[in-house]
Amino acid sequence: MSMAVQTNMGAITALKHLNTSQNQMNGQLERLSSGYRINSAADDAAGYAISSKMEGNKGKLVAAQENTMTAQAMVKMADAALNEVTNITKRLQVLATKAASGQNSSAEQLNLDKEAQKLLEVIDKIVDSTKFNGEVLLSGTFASTGAAKTIQIGSTSSTNDRMSIQFADSNAAALQIAHVAGTGAAVAAATGGGGTISLTSISNAQTSLANLDSALSTLADTRASLGASSNQLGYIAANLGTSIEQSSNTLSAVKDTDMAMEMADFTKSKIMVQAGTAMVSQANQNSQNVMSLFR
């Protein structure tokens, strides 16, 4: 083996391996500190593309679940208000039944009508004050006539990832039980449209009783629809939760660092860097042997 001073091949070779070990250790430090196996596209181009798409889809699923849970809360709020409207309508039925009987005096008949009028005002107040996110739910203005609110419940633009919820107008006029003022005014039957109620006379009370039966049936149908929508949203939210869980699991398998394996590799690289540093130093010292030729 020749002894040269211009080119120290031992040091060059040792330095090459040292740089390789150092680069490996730096990469392992990045993966250990971030917890991700893929920190840039250079780490794994295919894995980076897959994980980026999966992260985007997971974000959309989380947003869809939030939409679903918010919509369910909105439906429950509307149903709670309609529950009170239903209770008031049942009380109005009791009053109409009493007013339809002939044993009442004129004063009693008027008192029954006054209570009915006050209860109808409460129905309108409940409807007008039931708001979600600043929007009145049950006055017919939240969704345009014949339309419904569309909820995004999935991650795509497909119709399967959307759901419509109908919020019916539920004030006294819409239920066809608006009060008719005046002791001599006749009430209109709900069967003919534009139904009203008044308990000022026996005949009015009897017509009102039929109108209230119709209103109660309408409320029951509306609440049944809202209840079904609430159940739908509950199952959809649960399914989205499962989808988010599985997406997270798959994303972890693609992107996350196996900390135990990475730590083992880091320990190996650390030892290799220390050994490489020592060998570069040793190779440089070997060149000093040339000086012995001049003694």
C-alpha atoms as a PDB file:
ATOM      1  CA  MET A   1       0.000   0.000   0.000  1.00  0.00           C
ATOM      2  CA  SER A   2       1.404   3.374  -1.027  1.00  0.00           C
ATOM      3  CA  MET A   3       1.812   6.198   1.456  1.00  0.00           C
ATOM      4  CA  ALA A   4       0.348   9.420  -0.010  1.00  0.00           C
ATOM      5  CA  VAL A   5      -0.227  12.799   1.551  1.00  0.00           C
ATOM      6  CA  GLN A   6      -2.198  14.530  -1.221  1.00  0.00           C
ATOM      7  CA  THR A   7      -5.127  12.099  -1.034  1.00  0.00           C
ATOM      8  CA  ASN A   8      -6.167  10.425   2.211  1.00  0.00           C
ATOM      9  CA  MET A   9      -8.483   7.673   0.916  1.00  0.00           C
ATOM     10  CA  GLY A  10      -9.082   6.279   4.386  1.00  0.00           C
ATOM     11  CA  ALA A  11     -10.349   9.631   5.641  1.00  0.00           C
ATOM     12  CA  ILE A  12     -12.482  10.168   2.523  1.00  0.00           C
ATOM     13  CA  THR A  13     -14.136   6.762   2.882  1.00  0.00           C
ATOM     14  CA  ALA A  14     -14.692   7.226   6.603  1.00  0.00           C
ATOM     15  CA  LEU A  15     -16.142  10.691   5.989  1.00  0.00           C
ATOM     16  CA  LYS A  16     -18.540   9.332   3.362  1.00  0.00           C
ATOM     17  CA  HIS A  17     -19.941   6.778   5.807  1.00  0.00           C
ATOM     18  CA  LEU A  18     -20.039   9.375   8.566  1.00  0.00           C
ATOM     19  CA  ASN A  19     -22.142  11.708   6.396  1.00  0.00           C
ATOM     20  CA  THR A  20     -24.489   8.868   5.500  1.00  0.00           C
ATOM     21  CA  SER A  21     -24.962   7.962   9.163  1.00  0.00           C
ATOM     22  CA  GLN A  22     -25.404  11.626  10.103  1.00  0.00           C
ATOM     23  CA  ASN A  23     -28.119  12.137   7.474  1.00  0.00           C
ATOM     24  CA  GLN A  24     -29.907   8.998   8.630  1.00  0.00           C
ATOM     25  CA  MET A  25     -29.762  10.154  12.243  1.00  0.00           C
ATOM     26  CA  ASN A  26     -31.086  13.614  11.334  1.00  0.00           C
ATOM     27  CA  GLY A  27     -34.039  12.027   9.530  1.00  0.00           C
ATOM     28  CA  GLN A  28     -34.718   9.767  12.491  1.00  0.00           C
ATOM     29  CA  LEU A  29     -34.581  12.744  14.860  1.00  0.00           C
ATOM     30  CA  GLU A  30     -37.179  14.527  12.711  1.00  0.00           C
ATOM     31  CA  ARG A  31     -39.464  11.488  12.713  1.00  0.00           C
ATOM     32  CA  LEU A  32     -39.071  10.938  16.457  1.00  0.00           C
ATOM     33  CA  SER A  33     -39.688  14.601  17.326  1.00  0.00           C
ATOM     34  CA  SER A  34     -42.703  15.014  14.996  1.00  0.00           C
ATOM     35  CA  GLY A  35     -44.217  11.568  15.512  1.00  0.00           C
ATOM     36  CA  TYR A  36     -44.739  11.284  11.745  1.00  0.00           C
ATOM     37  CA  ARG A  37     -43.015   8.881   9.393  1.00  0.00           C
ATOM     38  CA  ILE A  38     -43.866  11.198   6.493  1.00  0.00           C
ATOM     39  CA  ASN A  39     -42.951  14.845   7.047  1.00  0.00           C
ATOM     40  CA  SER A  40     -42.542  15.830   3.406  1.00  0.00           C
ATOM     41  CA  ALA A  41     -43.199  14.365  -0.015  1.00  0.00           C
ATOM     42  CA  ALA A  42     -39.516  13.404  -0.227  1.00  0.00           C
ATOM     43  CA  ASP A  43     -39.940  10.945   2.664  1.00  0.00           C
ATOM     44  CA  ASP A  44     -42.496   8.822   0.769  1.00  0.00           C
ATOM     45  CA  ALA A  45     -44.056  10.324  -2.351  1.00  0.00           C
ATOM     46  CA  ALA A  46     -46.861   7.768  -2.670  1.00  0.00           C
ATOM     47  CA  GLY A  47     -47.559   7.747   1.072  1.00  0.00           C
ATOM     48  CA  TYR A  48     -47.600  11.549   1.143  1.00  0.00           C
ATOM     49  CA  ALA A  49     -50.204  11.687  -1.649  1.00  0.00           C
ATOM     50  CA  ILE A  50     -52.379   9.064   0.052  1.00  0.00           C
ATOM     51  CA  SER A  51     -52.140  10.661   3.513  1.00  0.00           C
ATOM     52  CA  SER A  52     -52.898  14.147   2.158  1.00  0.00           C
ATOM     53  CA  LYS A  53     -56.116  12.924   0.550  1.00  0.00           C
ATOM     54  CA  MET A  54     -57.067  10.992   3.664  1.00  0.00           C
ATOM     55  CA  GLU A  55     -56.467  14.026   5.898  1.00  0.00           C
ATOM     56  CA  GLY A  56     -58.694  16.126   3.643  1.00  0.00           C
ATOM     57  CA  ASN A  57     -61.455  13.523   3.700  1.00  0.00           C
ATOM     58  CA  LYS A  58     -61.192  13.134   7.472  1.00  0.00           C
ATOM     59  CA  GLY A  59     -61.583  16.890   7.890  1.00  0.00           C
ATOM     60  CA  LYS A  60     -64.742  16.813   5.775  1.00  0.00           C
ATOM     61  CA  LEU A  61     -66.136  13.924   7.815  1.00  0.00           C
ATOM     62  CA  VAL A  62     -65.514  15.842  11.054  1.00  0.00           C
ATOM     63  CA  ALA A  63     -67.294  18.897   9.619  1.00  0.00           C
ATOM     64  CA  ALA A  64     -70.200  16.714   8.441  1.00  0.00           C
ATOM     65  CA  GLN A  65     -70.509  15.218  11.925  1.00  0.00           C
ATOM     66  CA  GLU A  66     -70.608  18.720  13.408  1.00  0.00           C
ATOM     67  CA  ASN A  67     -73.305  19.674  10.878  1.00  0.00           C
ATOM     68  CA  THR A  68     -75.308  16.599  11.830  1.00  0.00           C
ATOM     69  CA  MET A  69     -75.079  17.166  15.574  1.00  0.00           C
ATOM     70  CA  THR A  70     -75.954  20.848  15.171  1.00  0.00           C
ATOM     71  CA  ALA A  71     -78.951  19.946  13.004  1.00  0.00           C
ATOM     72  CA  GLN A  72     -80.103  17.414  15.593  1.00  0.00           C
ATOM     73  CA  ALA A  73     -79.935  20.086  18.295  1.00  0.00           C
ATOM     74  CA  MET A  74     -81.957  22.388  16.035  1.00  0.00           C
ATOM     75  CA  VAL A  75     -84.620  19.724  15.489  1.00  0.00           C
ATOM     76  CA  LYS A  76     -84.836  18.993  19.211  1.00  0.00           C
ATOM     77  CA  MET A  77     -85.314  22.688  19.928  1.00  0.00           C
ATOM     78  CA  ALA A  78     -88.188  22.879  17.444  1.00  0.00           C
ATOM     79  CA  ASP A  79     -89.765  19.732  18.884  1.00  0.00           C
ATOM     80  CA  ALA A  80     -89.521  21.069  22.440  1.00  0.00           C
ATOM     81  CA  ALA A  81     -91.381  24.207  21.370  1.00  0.00           C
ATOM     82  CA  LEU A  82     -94.029  22.155  19.580  1.00  0.00           C
ATOM     83  CA  ASN A  83     -94.464  20.077  22.718  1.00  0.00           C
ATOM     84  CA  GLU A  84     -95.600  23.210  24.552  1.00  0.00           C
ATOM     85  CA  VAL A  85     -97.842  24.198  21.639  1.00  0.00           C
ATOM     86  CA  THR A  86     -99.357  20.711  21.818  1.00  0.00           C
ATOM     87  CA  ASN A  87     -99.979  21.058  25.564  1.00  0.00           C
ATOM     88  CA  ILE A  88    -101.686  24.391  24.998  1.00  0.00           C
ATOM     89  CA  THR A  89    -103.829  22.919  22.226  1.00  0.00           C
ATOM     90  CA  LYS A  90    -104.928  20.141  24.589  1.00  0.00           C
ATOM     91  CA  ARG A  91    -105.925  22.785  27.145  1.00  0.00           C
ATOM     92  CA  LEU A  92    -107.880  24.585  24.435  1.00  0.00           C
ATOM     93  CA  GLN A  93    -109.714  21.337  23.701  1.00  0.00           C
ATOM     94  CA  VAL A  94    -110.710  21.156  27.350  1.00  0.00           C
ATOM     95  CA  LEU A  95    -111.980  24.732  27.252  1.00  0.00           C
ATOM     96  CA  ALA A  96    -113.875  24.125  23.998  1.00  0.00           C
ATOM     97  CA  THR A  97    -115.490  21.019  25.470  1.00  0.00           C
ATOM     98  CA  LYS A  98    -116.667  23.000  28.491  1.00  0.00           C
ATOM     99  CA  ALA A  99    -117.904  25.873  26.321  1.00  0.00           C
ATOM    100  CA  ALA A 100    -119.855  23.496  24.063  1.00  0.00           C
ATOM    101  CA  SER A 101    -122.105  22.508  26.963  1.00  0.00           C
ATOM    102  CA  GLY A 102    -125.320  24.390  27.675  1.00  0.00           C
ATOM    103  CA  GLN A 103    -124.994  24.783  31.449  1.00  0.00           C
ATOM    104  CA  ASN A 104    -122.630  27.778  31.215  1.00  0.00           C
ATOM    105  CA  SER A 105    -123.830  31.295  31.874  1.00  0.00           C
ATOM    106  CA  SER A 106    -122.984  34.076  29.421  1.00  0.00           C
ATOM    107  CA  ALA A 107    -120.264  35.341  31.782  1.00  0.00           C
ATOM    108  CA  GLU A 108    -118.736  31.886  32.085  1.00  0.00           C
ATOM    109  CA  GLN A 109    -118.831  31.491  28.306  1.00  0.00           C
ATOM    110  CA  LEU A 110    -116.940  34.766  27.871  1.00  0.00           C
ATOM    111  CA  ASN A 111    -114.396  33.818  30.523  1.00  0.00           C
ATOM    112  CA  LEU A 112    -113.703  30.552  28.714  1.00  0.00           C
ATOM    113  CA  ASP A 113    -113.214  32.493  25.480  1.00  0.00           C
ATOM    114  CA  LYS A 114    -110.873  34.975  27.178  1.00  0.00           C
ATOM    115  CA  GLU A 115    -108.661  32.168  28.458  1.00  0.00           C
ATOM    116  CA  ALA A 116    -108.635  30.609  24.996  1.00  0.00           C
ATOM    117  CA  GLN A 117    -107.615  33.941  23.474  1.00  0.00           C
ATOM    118  CA  LYS A 118    -104.721  34.287  25.940  1.00  0.00           C
ATOM    119  CA  LEU A 119    -103.536  30.733  25.226  1.00  0.00           C
ATOM    120  CA  LEU A 120    -103.570  31.388  21.487  1.00  0.00           C
ATOM    121  CA  GLU A 121    -101.399  34.442  22.071  1.00  0.00           C
ATOM    122  CA  VAL A 122     -98.952  32.234  23.965  1.00  0.00           C
ATOM    123  CA  ILE A 123     -98.789  29.842  20.989  1.00  0.00           C
ATOM    124  CA  ASP A 124     -97.793  32.704  18.702  1.00  0.00           C
ATOM    125  CA  LYS A 125     -95.228  33.946  21.240  1.00  0.00           C
ATOM    126  CA  ILE A 126     -93.675  30.491  21.523  1.00  0.00           C
ATOM    127  CA  VAL A 127     -93.475  30.152  17.736  1.00  0.00           C
ATOM    128  CA  ASP A 128     -91.972  33.613  17.270  1.00  0.00           C
ATOM    129  CA  SER A 129     -89.402  33.156  20.054  1.00  0.00           C
ATOM    130  CA  THR A 130     -88.182  29.699  19.086  1.00  0.00           C
ATOM    131  CA  LYS A 131     -84.937  30.602  17.344  1.00  0.00           C
ATOM    132  CA  PHE A 132     -81.801  28.757  16.353  1.00  0.00           C
ATOM    133  CA  ASN A 133     -78.725  30.729  15.393  1.00  0.00           C
ATOM    134  CA  GLY A 134     -80.902  33.831  15.191  1.00  0.00           C
ATOM    135  CA  GLU A 135     -83.458  32.263  12.820  1.00  0.00           C
ATOM    136  CA  VAL A 136     -87.095  31.643  13.794  1.00  0.00           C
ATOM    137  CA  LEU A 137     -87.761  27.932  13.277  1.00  0.00           C
ATOM    138  CA  LEU A 138     -91.538  27.560  13.303  1.00  0.00           C
ATOM    139  CA  SER A 139     -92.968  30.713  11.738  1.00  0.00           C
ATOM    140  CA  GLY A 140     -92.597  29.592   8.132  1.00  0.00           C
ATOM    141  CA  THR A 141     -89.685  31.966   7.466  1.00  0.00           C
ATOM    142  CA  PHE A 142     -86.839  29.569   8.317  1.00  0.00           C
ATOM    143  CA  ALA A 143     -87.550  27.555   5.166  1.00  0.00           C
ATOM    144  CA  SER A 144     -89.503  28.993   2.269  1.00  0.00           C
ATOM    145  CA  THR A 145     -93.008  27.694   1.617  1.00  0.00           C
ATOM    146  CA  GLY A 146     -92.932  24.074   0.529  1.00  0.00           C
ATOM    147  CA  ALA A 147     -89.158  23.949   0.900  1.00  0.00           C
ATOM    148  CA  ALA A 148     -86.913  22.373   3.495  1.00  0.00           C
ATOM    149  CA  LYS A 149     -83.530  23.023   5.041  1.00  0.00           C
ATOM    150  CA  THR A 150     -80.734  20.971   3.475  1.00  0.00           C
ATOM    151  CA  ILE A 151     -78.099  19.573   5.819  1.00  0.00           C
ATOM    152  CA  GLN A 152     -74.701  18.399   4.543  1.00  0.00           C
ATOM    153  CA  ILE A 153     -74.216  15.050   6.274  1.00  0.00           C
ATOM    154  CA  GLY A 154     -71.342  13.607   4.244  1.00  0.00           C
ATOM    155  CA  SER A 155     -68.051  14.403   2.566  1.00  0.00           C
ATOM    156  CA  THR A 156     -69.190  14.594  -1.069  1.00  0.00           C
ATOM    157  CA  SER A 157     -71.626  16.594  -3.196  1.00  0.00           C
ATOM    158  CA  SER A 158     -73.754  13.487  -3.771  1.00  0.00           C
ATOM    159  CA  THR A 159     -77.442  13.648  -2.866  1.00  0.00           C
ATOM    160  CA  ASN A 160     -76.751  10.705  -0.539  1.00  0.00           C
ATOM    161  CA  ASP A 161     -74.618  13.050   1.547  1.00  0.00           C
ATOM    162  CA  ARG A 162     -77.414  15.589   1.995  1.00  0.00           C
ATOM    163  CA  MET A 163     -80.592  15.497   4.077  1.00  0.00           C
ATOM    164  CA  SER A 164     -83.669  17.722   4.028  1.00  0.00           C
ATOM    165  CA  ILE A 165     -85.594  18.728   7.155  1.00  0.00           C
ATOM    166  CA  GLN A 166     -89.013  20.387   6.988  1.00  0.00           C
ATOM    167  CA  PHE A 167     -90.018  22.990   9.585  1.00  0.00           C
ATOM    168  CA  ALA A 168     -93.728  23.695   9.321  1.00  0.00           C
ATOM    169  CA  ASP A 169     -95.384  26.996  10.196  1.00  0.00           C
ATOM    170  CA  SER A 170     -97.011  26.299  13.564  1.00  0.00           C
ATOM    171  CA  ASN A 171     -98.597  29.550  14.722  1.00  0.00           C
ATOM    172  CA  ALA A 172    -102.307  29.734  15.482  1.00  0.00           C
ATOM    173  CA  ALA A 173    -103.269  30.924  12.008  1.00  0.00           C
ATOM    174  CA  ALA A 174    -101.264  28.155  10.319  1.00  0.00           C
ATOM    175  CA  LEU A 175    -102.907  25.584  12.582  1.00  0.00           C
ATOM    176  CA  GLN A 176    -106.291  27.110  11.638  1.00  0.00           C
ATOM    177  CA  ILE A 177    -107.190  27.973  15.220  1.00  0.00           C
ATOM    178  CA  ALA A 178    -106.772  31.759  15.155  1.00  0.00           C
ATOM    179  CA  HIS A 179    -109.145  33.539  17.521  1.00  0.00           C
ATOM    180  CA  VAL A 180    -112.191  35.374  16.212  1.00  0.00           C
ATOM    181  CA  ALA A 181    -113.003  38.487  18.234  1.00  0.00           C
ATOM    182  CA  GLY A 182    -116.558  39.516  19.092  1.00  0.00           C
ATOM    183  CA  THR A 183    -119.394  37.669  20.752  1.00  0.00           C
ATOM    184  CA  GLY A 184    -121.442  37.418  17.603  1.00  0.00           C
ATOM    185  CA  ALA A 185    -118.705  36.383  15.200  1.00  0.00           C
ATOM    186  CA  ALA A 186    -118.989  32.948  13.652  1.00  0.00           C
ATOM    187  CA  VAL A 187    -115.997  30.646  13.407  1.00  0.00           C
ATOM    188  CA  ALA A 188    -114.801  29.019  10.206  1.00  0.00           C
ATOM    189  CA  ALA A 189    -114.327  25.286   9.997  1.00  0.00           C
ATOM    190  CA  ALA A 190    -110.781  24.076   9.404  1.00  0.00           C
ATOM    191  CA  THR A 191    -112.048  21.629   6.790  1.00  0.00           C
ATOM    192  CA  GLY A 192    -112.831  24.551   4.507  1.00  0.00           C
ATOM    193  CA  GLY A 193    -109.467  26.236   5.081  1.00  0.00           C
ATOM    194  CA  GLY A 194    -108.774  29.287   7.233  1.00  0.00           C
ATOM    195  CA  GLY A 195    -110.265  27.704  10.332  1.00  0.00           C
ATOM    196  CA  THR A 196    -110.723  29.836  13.447  1.00  0.00           C
ATOM    197  CA  ILE A 197    -111.995  29.376  16.995  1.00  0.00           C
ATOM    198  CA  SER A 198    -114.227  31.226  19.422  1.00  0.00           C
ATOM    199  CA  LEU A 199    -115.880  30.001  22.591  1.00  0.00           C
ATOM    200  CA  THR A 200    -118.499  32.750  22.879  1.00  0.00           C
ATOM    201  CA  SER A 201    -121.377  30.425  21.976  1.00  0.00           C
ATOM    202  CA  ILE A 202    -122.189  26.737  22.020  1.00  0.00           C
ATOM    203  CA  SER A 203    -122.197  26.438  18.220  1.00  0.00           C
ATOM    204  CA  ASN A 204    -118.896  28.273  17.955  1.00  0.00           C
ATOM    205  CA  ALA A 205    -117.399  26.069  20.652  1.00  0.00           C
ATOM    206  CA  GLN A 206    -118.518  22.911  18.843  1.00  0.00           C
ATOM    207  CA  THR A 207    -116.921  24.054  15.562  1.00  0.00           C
ATOM    208  CA  SER A 208    -113.840  25.146  17.481  1.00  0.00           C
ATOM    209  CA  LEU A 209    -113.597  21.720  19.062  1.00  0.00           C
ATOM    210  CA  ALA A 210    -113.409  20.113  15.624  1.00  0.00           C
ATOM    211  CA  ASN A 211    -110.812  22.661  14.505  1.00  0.00           C
ATOM    212  CA  LEU A 212    -108.708  21.969  17.585  1.00  0.00           C
ATOM    213  CA  ASP A 213    -108.850  18.226  16.900  1.00  0.00           C
ATOM    214  CA  SER A 214    -107.538  18.935  13.422  1.00  0.00           C
ATOM    215  CA  ALA A 215    -104.794  21.215  14.807  1.00  0.00           C
ATOM    216  CA  LEU A 216    -103.708  18.569  17.296  1.00  0.00           C
ATOM    217  CA  SER A 217    -103.493  16.025  14.485  1.00  0.00           C
ATOM    218  CA  THR A 218    -101.347  18.443  12.449  1.00  0.00           C
ATOM    219  CA  LEU A 219     -99.041  19.002  15.407  1.00  0.00           C
ATOM    220  CA  ALA A 220     -98.723  15.258  15.954  1.00  0.00           C
ATOM    221  CA  ASP A 221     -97.747  14.743  12.306  1.00  0.00           C
ATOM    222  CA  THR A 222     -95.218  17.586  12.463  1.00  0.00           C
ATOM    223  CA  ARG A 223     -93.636  16.279  15.644  1.00  0.00           C
ATOM    224  CA  ALA A 224     -93.533  12.733  14.260  1.00  0.00           C
ATOM    225  CA  SER A 225     -91.650  14.048  11.224  1.00  0.00           C
ATOM    226  CA  LEU A 226     -89.210  15.978  13.405  1.00  0.00           C
ATOM    227  CA  GLY A 227     -88.735  12.958  15.663  1.00  0.00           C
ATOM    228  CA  ALA A 228     -87.934  10.771  12.678  1.00  0.00           C
ATOM    229  CA  SER A 229     -85.453  13.389  11.419  1.00  0.00           C
ATOM    230  CA  SER A 230     -83.811  13.536  14.855  1.00  0.00           C
ATOM    231  CA  ASN A 231     -83.407   9.747  14.886  1.00  0.00           C
ATOM    232  CA  GLN A 232     -81.978   9.829  11.372  1.00  0.00           C
ATOM    233  CA  LEU A 233     -79.462  12.467  12.372  1.00  0.00           C
ATOM    234  CA  GLY A 234     -78.485  10.477  15.463  1.00  0.00           C
ATOM    235  CA  TYR A 235     -77.707   7.356  13.422  1.00  0.00           C
ATOM    236  CA  ILE A 236     -75.874   9.416  10.795  1.00  0.00           C
ATOM    237  CA  ALA A 237     -73.739  11.111  13.468  1.00  0.00           C
ATOM    238  CA  ALA A 238     -72.862   7.710  14.950  1.00  0.00           C
ATOM    239  CA  ASN A 239     -71.905   6.368  11.521  1.00  0.00           C
ATOM    240  CA  LEU A 240     -69.774   9.429  10.832  1.00  0.00           C
ATOM    241  CA  GLY A 241     -68.048   8.874  14.154  1.00  0.00           C
ATOM    242  CA  THR A 242     -67.176   5.339  13.054  1.00  0.00           C
ATOM    243  CA  SER A 243     -65.928   6.611   9.689  1.00  0.00           C
ATOM    244  CA  ILE A 244     -63.736   9.212  11.413  1.00  0.00           C
ATOM    245  CA  GLU A 245     -62.346   6.531  13.714  1.00  0.00           C
ATOM    246  CA  GLN A 246     -61.472   4.217  10.814  1.00  0.00           C
ATOM    247  CA  SER A 247     -60.014   7.092   8.769  1.00  0.00           C
ATOM    248  CA  SER A 248     -57.809   8.054  11.708  1.00  0.00           C
ATOM    249  CA  ASN A 249     -56.680   4.447  12.098  1.00  0.00           C
ATOM    250  CA  THR A 250     -55.782   4.132   8.409  1.00  0.00           C
ATOM    251  CA  LEU A 251     -54.074   7.523   8.356  1.00  0.00           C
ATOM    252  CA  SER A 252     -52.009   6.528  11.372  1.00  0.00           C
ATOM    253  CA  ALA A 253     -50.886   3.331   9.644  1.00  0.00           C
ATOM    254  CA  VAL A 254     -49.738   5.325   6.608  1.00  0.00           C
ATOM    255  CA  LYS A 255     -48.218   8.412   8.220  1.00  0.00           C
ATOM    256  CA  ASP A 256     -47.356   7.871  11.871  1.00  0.00           C
ATOM    257  CA  THR A 257     -43.932   6.817  13.142  1.00  0.00           C
ATOM    258  CA  ASP A 258     -43.400   3.450  14.791  1.00  0.00           C
ATOM    259  CA  MET A 259     -41.617   4.997  17.768  1.00  0.00           C
ATOM    260  CA  ALA A 260     -40.060   1.742  19.031  1.00  0.00           C
ATOM    261  CA  MET A 261     -38.584   0.828  15.652  1.00  0.00           C
ATOM    262  CA  GLU A 262     -37.477   4.385  14.957  1.00  0.00           C
ATOM    263  CA  MET A 263     -35.774   4.623  18.343  1.00  0.00           C
ATOM    264  CA  ALA A 264     -33.905   1.384  17.670  1.00  0.00           C
ATOM    265  CA  ASP A 265     -32.734   2.729  14.296  1.00  0.00           C
ATOM    266  CA  PHE A 266     -31.779   6.049  15.908  1.00  0.00           C
ATOM    267  CA  THR A 267     -29.643   4.281  18.505  1.00  0.00           C
ATOM    268  CA  LYS A 268     -27.880   2.369  15.715  1.00  0.00           C
ATOM    269  CA  SER A 269     -27.299   5.555  13.703  1.00  0.00           C
ATOM    270  CA  LYS A 270     -26.000   7.370  16.776  1.00  0.00           C
ATOM    271  CA  ILE A 271     -23.434   4.637  17.355  1.00  0.00           C
ATOM    272  CA  MET A 272     -22.475   4.706  13.659  1.00  0.00           C
ATOM    273  CA  VAL A 273     -21.959   8.492  13.803  1.00  0.00           C
ATOM    274  CA  GLN A 274     -19.748   8.132  16.866  1.00  0.00           C
ATOM    275  CA  ALA A 275     -17.783   5.323  15.218  1.00  0.00           C
ATOM    276  CA  GLY A 276     -17.511   7.271  11.942  1.00  0.00           C
ATOM    277  CA  THR A 277     -16.208  10.329  13.755  1.00  0.00           C
ATOM    278  CA  ALA A 278     -13.618   8.229  15.502  1.00  0.00           C
ATOM    279  CA  MET A 279     -12.540   6.602  12.223  1.00  0.00           C
ATOM    280  CA  VAL A 280     -12.161   9.957  10.432  1.00  0.00           C
ATOM    281  CA  SER A 281      -9.926  11.059  13.294  1.00  0.00           C
ATOM    282  CA  GLN A 282      -7.963   7.800  13.077  1.00  0.00           C
ATOM    283  CA  ALA A 283      -7.542   8.108   9.304  1.00  0.00           C
ATOM    284  CA  ASN A 284      -6.181  11.619   9.714  1.00  0.00           C
ATOM    285  CA  GLN A 285      -3.707  10.375  12.298  1.00  0.00           C
ATOM    286  CA  ASN A 286      -2.521   7.630   9.941  1.00  0.00           C
ATOM    287  CA  SER A 287      -1.282  10.305   7.514  1.00  0.00           C
ATOM    288  CA  GLN A 288       1.137  11.410  10.195  1.00  0.00           C
ATOM    289  CA  ASN A 289       3.001   8.145   9.723  1.00  0.00           C
ATOM    290  CA  VAL A 290       4.556   9.638   6.584  1.00  0.00           C
ATOM    291  CA  MET A 291       6.668  11.874   8.840  1.00  0.00           C
ATOM    292  CA  SER A 292       8.521   8.835  10.128  1.00  0.00           C
ATOM    293  CA  LEU A 293      10.191   8.504   6.724  1.00  0.00           C
ATOM    294  CA  PHE A 294      12.068  11.782   7.311  1.00  0.00           C
ATOM    295  CA  ARG A 295      13.677  10.806  10.558  1.00  0.00           C
END
